[in-house]
Structures are given as C-alpha cells and as structure tokens.
Amino acid sequence: SRSDTLENVLKNAKQISERGIKEIVLTGVNIGDYGKGEFGNKKHEHTFFELVKALDTVDGIHRLRISSIEPNLLTNETINFVATSKSFVPHFHIPLQSGSNKLLKNMKRRYLRETYDNRVEAIKKAMPNACIGVDVIVGFPGETDDLFLETYNYLNNLDISYLHVFTYSERPNTEAFEMAEVIPQKVRNKRSKMLRGLSVKKRRAFYESQLGNNLTVLFESENKGGYIHGFTENYVKVKTAWNPELVNTLHQIKLKNIDEDGIVRFDWIEVPTHI
C-alpha cells in the first residue's frame, strides 16, 4: 500500500474546510496502516494515530469520521483520542467479514474475532453512545450452514449498530477462486437477506437507545419528499420539514421518536431563527 504524505493530507483537509464543507470522512484501503509508502518506501514515516492527532488541529473542520479501519489496526490510543477529540465523532466502521475464526483464517485476515470483541468493548467503554458499523461477507467458499449460523449468532450478540452485507463473488486469479466447497448462489442470497434483516434490527435497537439524548445534527442538501435529512455525530439519521436554509448547518437537537420509515424525529434545543 502507499500513503499520501501527512503534509498533503493536512493541506487537502484545510482546502476542504475553506470551501465550507463541515465533515470529512477518512477512508481508503487499510487506512489503519497509514504511513507505509508515504515517501515511496515501505517504512512508516507517520502512523495513523499521528494523522488523527494532526487532523484534529486543522481549523474549520467540524467533523472527522473514521471509515473502514481493520480491527487489528485500531489502537487503544486512537480510540481514547477520538473519545476526547475536538473534531472526531464517535462512529467507527470496522470490517469483520466473518464471525467464524475458521473462515477468517481461510480469508487470510490478520485478526480473529476475539480481536473484534476487544475493539468493540474498548470503543463502548470510552464512548457508550458510539455507533459501530460492520462489514460482513456471506457465501465465502467453505461457509457451511453451521459456520454461517456462527457468524449470525456472533453478530446478534455483539454490541454493534448496523451491518454492511456483501455477497461473495468469484474473482479469477485469487486463492478463493480455486477453493472447493462453492456455495450455491441461492444460498448466498438467503444468507445475505438474513443478515440484512439483522442489520435493520440492530439499527433500530441502536436508534431506540439514543432517544432522549441531546445531540448535534448536520443537515444534508437534498429535498427528500418534503423532508431534509441529517446525521448526528454518532450516525443517527434524523429528519424534519424541508427548509433550504438548514442545508449544511449544525444544530443541537433532542431525539424524540422513530418514524414509520425508521428515521428519527427530534425537538430543537434551540429553534433556528429561519424556522
């Protein structure tokens, strides 16, 4: 992997903030491995934690969100820094891929599910209201019914907020492409549907746990059927009547109830002057 220089990342962040953009999402391939190849070599000139600390000092950025960081690369120092950060929000998206250690080994992941348990526990200890999203793959070669149920039950019992479910698809010139025990497409689809249903349940439970909390919303730019949507710092989706004056603005709100469409309604803590 190859990283952009720390200086360049900070320069880009500053330019983004100067355009009036209030939230930046850190994403990429193996972002937790940041610093490798920064100057064209394999040595780590800077670490992901150093990047996080440096970004937190950039003026004009209201929110920084960490996306897709592997559990073995998410350190306690990063978690604890985010918990007290000026700009980083309590939302982590952490790939798991399978709740079966056997499949994780077959996938050649650099972690086992015990590492995942440990990271979730550390996040929730530091930030009890944090949102945790999970990537998971269904239908990987060798995923028996028992191994899939192991993943399902593991996720069902884990203190997470939602899932991103991916159905395995064959790619030529990969080790997995040569593996036996191919899972029929119909079975893959059924498993995907089961986990997507679990994700709906998890998200609902997380939203319910946040009702009554005072949070900050950043509103988006689209008119969605007469409503404007936004997200709280811990990634709860909210809505109110469409008003173009609210676009790209931050407001203090109190979460009230979940609407029929699964989106949360709220009360203003301080009603904006243009409402």
Protein backbone atom coordinates (compact mmCIF):
# COMPACT_ATOMS: atom_id res chain seq x y z
CA SER A 1 0.00 0.00 0.00
CA ARG A 2 1.07 3.60 -0.47
CA SER A 3 0.10 6.61 1.62
CA ASP A 4 -0.20 10.28 0.75
CA THR A 5 2.17 12.50 2.74
CA LEU A 6 0.94 13.86 6.06
CA GLU A 7 1.64 17.39 4.84
CA ASN A 8 -0.51 16.85 1.75
CA VAL A 9 -3.40 15.29 3.69
CA LEU A 10 -3.46 18.27 6.07
CA LYS A 11 -3.29 20.69 3.13
CA ASN A 12 -6.24 18.94 1.44
CA ALA A 13 -8.23 18.99 4.70
CA LYS A 14 -7.63 22.73 5.05
CA GLN A 15 -8.73 23.36 1.46
CA ILE A 16 -11.88 21.31 2.02
CA SER A 17 -12.74 23.27 5.17
CA GLU A 18 -12.21 26.57 3.32
CA ARG A 19 -14.90 25.50 0.82
CA GLY A 20 -17.41 25.40 3.68
CA ILE A 21 -17.56 21.60 3.92
CA LYS A 22 -18.14 20.66 7.55
CA GLU A 23 -17.47 16.92 7.59
CA ILE A 24 -14.58 14.85 6.26
CA VAL A 25 -14.63 11.04 6.17
CA LEU A 26 -11.26 9.25 6.33
CA THR A 27 -11.39 6.27 4.01
CA GLY A 28 -9.13 4.18 1.82
CA VAL A 29 -7.55 0.73 1.62
CA ASN A 30 -6.06 -0.23 5.00
CA ILE A 31 -6.28 3.31 6.40
CA GLY A 32 -5.08 1.99 9.77
CA ASP A 33 -1.79 1.17 8.01
CA TYR A 34 -1.35 4.82 7.09
CA GLY A 35 2.25 5.98 6.72
CA LYS A 36 3.57 2.97 4.81
CA GLY A 37 4.97 4.11 1.48
CA GLU A 38 4.42 7.78 2.29
CA PHE A 39 7.74 8.59 0.61
CA GLY A 40 7.81 5.67 -1.83
CA ASN A 41 9.25 3.12 0.60
CA LYS A 42 7.70 0.55 2.92
CA LYS A 43 8.81 2.31 6.08
CA HIS A 44 6.19 4.04 8.25
CA GLU A 45 7.17 7.70 8.36
CA HIS A 46 3.99 8.55 10.25
CA THR A 47 1.30 6.44 11.91
CA PHE A 48 -2.47 6.59 11.60
CA PHE A 49 -2.62 7.89 15.16
CA GLU A 50 -0.28 10.75 14.23
CA LEU A 51 -2.52 11.53 11.26
CA VAL A 52 -5.59 11.58 13.51
CA LYS A 53 -3.92 13.92 16.02
CA ALA A 54 -2.72 16.27 13.26
CA LEU A 55 -6.14 16.45 11.55
CA ASP A 56 -7.77 17.33 14.87
CA THR A 57 -5.80 20.60 14.89
CA VAL A 58 -6.98 21.81 11.46
CA ASP A 59 -9.22 24.86 11.87
CA GLY A 60 -12.63 24.93 10.22
CA ILE A 61 -13.31 21.18 10.25
CA HIS A 62 -16.36 20.49 12.40
CA ARG A 63 -16.45 16.70 11.98
CA LEU A 64 -13.97 13.98 11.15
CA ARG A 65 -15.25 10.43 10.74
CA ILE A 66 -13.16 7.23 10.58
CA SER A 67 -14.38 4.74 7.99
CA SER A 68 -13.26 1.17 7.32
CA ILE A 69 -10.37 0.59 9.70
CA GLU A 70 -9.43 -3.04 10.35
CA PRO A 71 -9.75 -4.12 14.00
CA ASN A 72 -6.09 -5.12 14.37
CA LEU A 73 -5.04 -1.61 13.28
CA LEU A 74 -7.45 0.30 15.52
CA THR A 75 -5.38 1.04 18.61
CA ASN A 76 -6.46 1.97 22.12
CA GLU A 77 -4.65 5.30 21.77
CA THR A 78 -6.74 6.15 18.70
CA ILE A 79 -9.98 5.12 20.41
CA ASN A 80 -9.19 7.12 23.54
CA PHE A 81 -8.12 10.14 21.50
CA VAL A 82 -11.37 10.11 19.49
CA ALA A 83 -13.33 9.96 22.77
CA THR A 84 -11.95 13.37 23.83
CA SER A 85 -11.30 14.85 20.38
CA LYS A 86 -12.41 18.27 19.21
CA SER A 87 -13.49 17.08 15.74
CA PHE A 88 -13.53 13.27 15.55
CA VAL A 89 -17.00 11.80 16.05
CA PRO A 90 -17.99 8.61 17.96
CA HIS A 91 -18.59 6.47 14.87
CA PHE A 92 -16.39 3.62 13.66
CA HIS A 93 -16.87 1.35 10.67
CA ILE A 94 -14.82 -1.80 11.22
CA PRO A 95 -14.63 -4.73 8.76
CA LEU A 96 -15.24 -8.14 10.31
CA GLN A 97 -16.12 -10.27 7.22
CA SER A 98 -16.97 -13.40 9.25
CA GLY A 99 -17.81 -14.35 12.82
CA SER A 100 -16.07 -17.69 12.30
CA ASN A 101 -12.36 -17.90 13.13
CA LYS A 102 -12.04 -20.80 10.71
CA LEU A 103 -13.30 -18.64 7.83
CA LEU A 104 -11.24 -15.63 8.92
CA LYS A 105 -8.15 -17.82 8.67
CA ASN A 106 -9.24 -19.10 5.24
CA MET A 107 -9.79 -15.48 4.15
CA LYS A 108 -6.25 -14.70 5.39
CA ARG A 109 -7.48 -11.89 7.62
CA ARG A 110 -4.90 -10.50 10.04
CA TYR A 111 -7.18 -10.87 13.05
CA LEU A 112 -9.58 -13.29 14.77
CA ARG A 113 -12.97 -12.47 16.22
CA GLU A 114 -11.50 -12.14 19.73
CA THR A 115 -9.68 -9.04 18.46
CA TYR A 116 -13.02 -7.71 17.19
CA ASP A 117 -14.66 -8.34 20.58
CA ASN A 118 -11.84 -6.43 22.24
CA ARG A 119 -12.13 -3.41 19.91
CA VAL A 120 -15.92 -3.15 20.31
CA GLU A 121 -15.54 -3.38 24.09
CA ALA A 122 -12.85 -0.67 24.11
CA ILE A 123 -14.95 1.69 21.96
CA LYS A 124 -18.09 1.22 24.07
CA LYS A 125 -16.13 1.70 27.29
CA ALA A 126 -14.67 5.00 26.06
CA MET A 127 -17.83 6.14 24.19
CA PRO A 128 -21.02 4.36 25.36
CA ASN A 129 -23.11 6.08 22.66
CA ALA A 130 -20.72 5.32 19.81
CA CYS A 131 -22.07 3.89 16.57
CA ILE A 132 -20.23 0.82 15.25
CA GLY A 133 -20.81 -0.43 11.71
CA VAL A 134 -19.63 -3.83 10.48
CA ASP A 135 -18.67 -5.22 7.06
CA VAL A 136 -19.53 -8.90 6.63
CA ILE A 137 -19.27 -11.32 3.68
CA VAL A 138 -21.66 -14.23 3.11
CA GLY A 139 -21.12 -17.22 0.85
CA PHE A 140 -17.34 -17.46 1.08
CA PRO A 141 -16.18 -20.93 -0.10
CA GLY A 142 -16.47 -23.42 2.75
CA GLU A 143 -19.09 -21.41 4.67
CA THR A 144 -21.28 -24.29 5.85
CA ASP A 145 -24.69 -23.71 7.41
CA ASP A 146 -23.11 -24.12 10.85
CA LEU A 147 -20.37 -21.58 10.11
CA PHE A 148 -22.91 -19.08 8.77
CA LEU A 149 -25.04 -19.51 11.90
CA GLU A 150 -21.90 -18.98 13.97
CA THR A 151 -21.49 -15.61 12.23
CA TYR A 152 -25.19 -14.74 12.59
CA ASN A 153 -25.28 -15.55 16.31
CA TYR A 154 -21.98 -13.77 16.92
CA LEU A 155 -23.27 -10.58 15.30
CA ASN A 156 -26.64 -10.87 17.01
CA ASN A 157 -24.92 -10.86 20.41
CA LEU A 158 -22.39 -8.13 19.56
CA ASP A 159 -22.95 -4.52 20.69
CA ILE A 160 -22.95 -3.05 17.16
CA SER A 161 -25.25 -0.64 15.32
CA TYR A 162 -25.62 -1.82 11.71
CA LEU A 163 -24.16 -4.13 9.06
CA HIS A 164 -22.93 -3.69 5.51
CA VAL A 165 -23.54 -7.11 3.95
CA PHE A 166 -21.59 -8.26 0.89
CA THR A 167 -22.30 -11.43 -1.07
CA TYR A 168 -19.14 -13.26 -2.07
CA SER A 169 -18.46 -13.29 -5.80
CA GLU A 170 -15.74 -15.23 -7.58
CA ARG A 171 -12.74 -13.32 -8.88
CA PRO A 172 -10.29 -15.08 -11.21
CA ASN A 173 -6.62 -15.22 -10.17
CA THR A 174 -7.40 -15.25 -6.46
CA GLU A 175 -6.81 -18.09 -3.99
CA ALA A 176 -10.52 -18.16 -3.11
CA PHE A 177 -11.36 -18.72 -6.79
CA GLU A 178 -9.59 -22.10 -6.62
CA MET A 179 -11.26 -23.21 -3.38
CA ALA A 180 -13.67 -26.13 -3.28
CA GLU A 181 -16.97 -26.12 -1.38
CA VAL A 182 -18.52 -23.39 -3.52
CA ILE A 183 -21.75 -22.02 -2.01
CA PRO A 184 -24.78 -22.03 -4.37
CA GLN A 185 -25.98 -18.54 -5.35
CA LYS A 186 -29.43 -19.19 -3.93
CA VAL A 187 -27.90 -20.00 -0.52
CA ARG A 188 -25.71 -16.89 -0.68
CA ASN A 189 -28.77 -14.75 -1.40
CA LYS A 190 -30.72 -16.28 1.50
CA ARG A 191 -27.86 -15.64 3.93
CA SER A 192 -27.49 -12.08 2.70
CA LYS A 193 -31.20 -11.47 3.28
CA MET A 194 -30.95 -12.88 6.82
CA LEU A 195 -28.05 -10.58 7.73
CA ARG A 196 -29.70 -7.55 6.14
CA GLY A 197 -32.72 -8.28 8.32
CA LEU A 198 -30.43 -8.47 11.35
CA SER A 199 -28.94 -5.11 10.36
CA VAL A 200 -32.40 -3.50 10.39
CA LYS A 201 -32.99 -4.90 13.87
CA LYS A 202 -29.57 -3.71 15.11
CA ARG A 203 -30.02 -0.20 13.71
CA ARG A 204 -33.49 0.07 15.25
CA ALA A 205 -32.18 -1.01 18.66
CA PHE A 206 -29.32 1.50 18.42
CA TYR A 207 -31.69 4.33 17.47
CA GLU A 208 -34.02 3.41 20.35
CA SER A 209 -31.07 3.56 22.75
CA GLN A 210 -30.41 7.15 21.65
CA LEU A 211 -33.94 8.52 22.12
CA GLY A 212 -33.98 11.34 24.66
CA ASN A 213 -30.32 12.19 24.06
CA ASN A 214 -29.16 15.70 23.17
CA LEU A 215 -27.03 15.50 20.02
CA THR A 216 -25.82 17.64 17.11
CA VAL A 217 -27.19 17.21 13.60
CA LEU A 218 -25.51 18.18 10.33
CA PHE A 219 -28.14 18.56 7.62
CA GLU A 220 -27.69 17.31 4.06
CA SER A 221 -28.58 19.06 0.81
CA GLU A 222 -31.42 17.07 -0.78
CA ASN A 223 -35.17 17.55 -0.54
CA LYS A 224 -36.39 14.01 0.23
CA GLY A 225 -40.15 14.12 -0.33
CA GLY A 226 -40.63 17.33 1.61
CA TYR A 227 -38.09 16.45 4.31
CA ILE A 228 -34.47 17.30 4.96
CA HIS A 229 -32.30 14.54 6.39
CA GLY A 230 -29.23 14.80 8.56
CA PHE A 231 -26.94 12.73 10.73
CA THR A 232 -25.96 13.15 14.34
CA GLU A 233 -22.31 12.83 15.34
CA ASN A 234 -22.94 9.16 16.21
CA TYR A 235 -24.64 8.49 12.88
CA VAL A 236 -28.32 8.51 13.81
CA LYS A 237 -30.35 9.55 10.76
CA VAL A 238 -32.90 12.27 11.51
CA LYS A 239 -35.41 14.33 9.51
CA THR A 240 -37.53 17.45 9.68
CA ALA A 241 -39.61 19.51 7.26
CA TRP A 242 -37.62 20.66 4.22
CA ASN A 243 -36.03 24.07 4.59
CA PRO A 244 -33.17 25.06 2.26
CA GLU A 245 -31.79 27.35 4.98
CA LEU A 246 -30.87 24.25 7.00
CA VAL A 247 -28.58 22.74 4.33
CA ASN A 248 -25.01 22.20 5.63
CA THR A 249 -25.82 23.65 9.06
CA LEU A 250 -25.23 22.20 12.52
CA HIS A 251 -27.89 22.30 15.25
CA GLN A 252 -28.45 20.98 18.75
CA ILE A 253 -31.43 18.62 18.92
CA LYS A 254 -33.10 16.16 21.28
CA LEU A 255 -34.05 12.82 19.73
CA LYS A 256 -37.76 12.17 20.20
CA ASN A 257 -39.15 9.13 18.37
CA ILE A 258 -38.62 6.82 15.40
CA ASP A 259 -40.92 7.46 12.44
CA GLU A 260 -42.58 4.74 10.33
CA ASP A 261 -39.73 4.87 7.82
CA GLY A 262 -37.16 4.17 10.56
CA ILE A 263 -35.80 7.74 10.59
CA VAL A 264 -35.71 9.63 13.88
CA ARG A 265 -37.76 12.75 14.65
CA PHE A 266 -36.49 15.34 17.09
CA ASP A 267 -37.16 18.54 19.03
CA TRP A 268 -34.98 21.61 18.57
CA ILE A 269 -33.00 22.51 21.64
CA GLU A 270 -32.65 25.99 20.22
CA VAL A 271 -35.00 26.73 17.33
CA PRO A 272 -33.10 28.20 14.34
CA THR A 273 -34.14 31.78 13.50
CA HIS A 274 -35.21 30.82 9.97
CA ILE A 275 -37.63 28.07 11.06
